[in-house]
Amino acid sequence: NSQWDDIKAVKVRNFNFKEATGFDTHTQIGVVAQEIETVSPGLVKTDNDVVVDDANGEGTITGTTKRVSYSVLYMKSIKALQEAMTRIETLESEVAALKG
């Protein structure tokens, strides 16, 4: 299937994680899960955030965290690049024919 429209709709962002997340807080480049989920829902997984009570071992869901499956996003991007290359080659052939 064509990946052209999906990849065209992806917004690449510069961002910093909040210190409370435990991730590196330096500027990074990537996508926002909530944004890409509207373009291609299959790229985003939602996990429950669980806090375990040490006294009784019971867990409580405190929220959710969304994560992007970058490996799938990379493959979609390669497919879109291949589509772009085919379009470029077609246009180059048409230009060459018009010049000739």
Protein backbone atom coordinates (compact mmCIF):
# COMPACT_ATOMS: atom_id res chain seq x y z
CA ASN A 1 0.00 0.00 0.00
CA SER A 2 1.05 3.58 -0.58
CA GLN A 3 2.63 5.30 2.40
CA TRP A 4 2.88 8.68 0.67
CA ASP A 5 -0.03 10.42 2.44
CA ASP A 6 0.76 8.95 5.88
CA ILE A 7 4.39 10.07 5.79
CA LYS A 8 3.46 13.45 4.31
CA ALA A 9 1.15 14.04 7.30
CA VAL A 10 3.77 13.20 9.95
CA LYS A 11 4.97 16.23 11.91
CA VAL A 12 8.59 15.94 13.03
CA ARG A 13 9.28 17.87 16.22
CA ASN A 14 12.18 18.99 18.38
CA PHE A 15 11.35 18.27 22.00
CA ASN A 16 12.69 17.75 25.50
CA PHE A 17 11.34 15.19 27.94
CA LYS A 18 10.27 16.53 31.31
CA GLU A 19 12.80 15.68 34.02
CA ALA A 20 10.13 13.75 35.95
CA THR A 21 9.92 11.16 33.15
CA GLY A 22 13.41 9.86 33.87
CA PHE A 23 14.39 10.21 30.20
CA ASP A 24 17.26 12.37 28.94
CA THR A 25 16.16 16.02 28.93
CA HIS A 26 18.42 17.23 26.09
CA THR A 27 16.76 18.37 22.84
CA GLN A 28 15.70 15.46 20.69
CA ILE A 29 13.97 15.01 17.34
CA GLY A 30 10.99 12.76 16.85
CA VAL A 31 7.24 12.57 16.67
CA VAL A 32 4.51 13.12 19.23
CA ALA A 33 2.56 9.92 19.82
CA GLN A 34 -0.77 11.71 20.13
CA GLU A 35 -0.22 13.47 16.79
CA ILE A 36 0.98 10.45 14.83
CA GLU A 37 -1.85 8.36 16.27
CA THR A 38 -4.30 10.47 14.23
CA VAL A 39 -2.34 9.70 11.04
CA SER A 40 -1.55 6.03 11.60
CA PRO A 41 -3.05 4.56 14.80
CA GLY A 42 -1.17 1.27 14.41
CA LEU A 43 2.12 3.05 15.11
CA VAL A 44 1.14 3.91 18.69
CA LYS A 45 0.85 1.59 21.68
CA THR A 46 -0.67 2.67 25.00
CA ASP A 47 0.63 1.22 28.26
CA ASN A 48 -0.89 1.60 31.71
CA ASP A 49 1.23 3.39 34.30
CA VAL A 50 1.12 1.25 37.45
CA VAL A 51 2.26 2.09 40.97
CA VAL A 52 2.74 -0.95 43.21
CA ASP A 53 2.03 -0.67 46.93
CA ASP A 54 5.05 -2.25 48.65
CA ALA A 55 2.97 -3.17 51.70
CA ASN A 56 0.47 -5.42 49.94
CA GLY A 57 1.93 -5.81 46.44
CA GLU A 58 -1.19 -4.48 44.77
CA GLY A 59 -0.91 -2.23 41.74
CA THR A 60 -2.90 0.87 40.96
CA ILE A 61 -3.20 2.35 37.47
CA THR A 62 -2.23 6.01 37.69
CA GLY A 63 -2.44 6.94 34.01
CA THR A 64 -1.22 5.87 30.59
CA THR A 65 1.88 6.33 28.47
CA LYS A 66 1.85 6.27 24.68
CA ARG A 67 4.85 5.07 22.69
CA VAL A 68 5.64 5.12 18.98
CA SER A 69 6.79 2.01 17.12
CA TYR A 70 9.69 3.72 15.35
CA SER A 71 10.77 0.52 13.57
CA VAL A 72 7.43 0.46 11.72
CA LEU A 73 7.64 4.21 11.07
CA TYR A 74 11.07 3.69 9.49
CA MET A 75 9.69 1.04 7.13
CA LYS A 76 6.77 3.29 6.16
CA SER A 77 9.31 6.05 5.45
CA ILE A 78 11.41 3.78 3.24
CA LYS A 79 8.30 2.81 1.28
CA ALA A 80 7.35 6.49 0.82
CA LEU A 81 10.92 7.26 -0.31
CA GLN A 82 10.70 4.48 -2.90
CA GLU A 83 7.42 5.96 -4.12
CA ALA A 84 9.06 9.39 -4.39
CA MET A 85 11.98 7.93 -6.33
CA THR A 86 9.59 6.29 -8.80
CA ARG A 87 7.72 9.58 -9.26
CA ILE A 88 10.99 11.45 -9.83
CA GLU A 89 12.21 8.89 -12.37
CA THR A 90 8.89 9.11 -14.24
CA LEU A 91 9.08 12.91 -14.33
CA GLU A 92 12.72 12.78 -15.50
CA SER A 93 11.70 10.47 -18.36
CA GLU A 94 8.84 12.76 -19.33
CA VAL A 95 11.13 15.84 -19.27
CA ALA A 96 13.73 14.02 -21.38
CA ALA A 97 11.03 13.04 -23.91
CA LEU A 98 9.79 16.62 -24.11
CA LYS A 99 13.31 17.95 -24.64
CA GLY A 100 14.01 15.32 -27.31
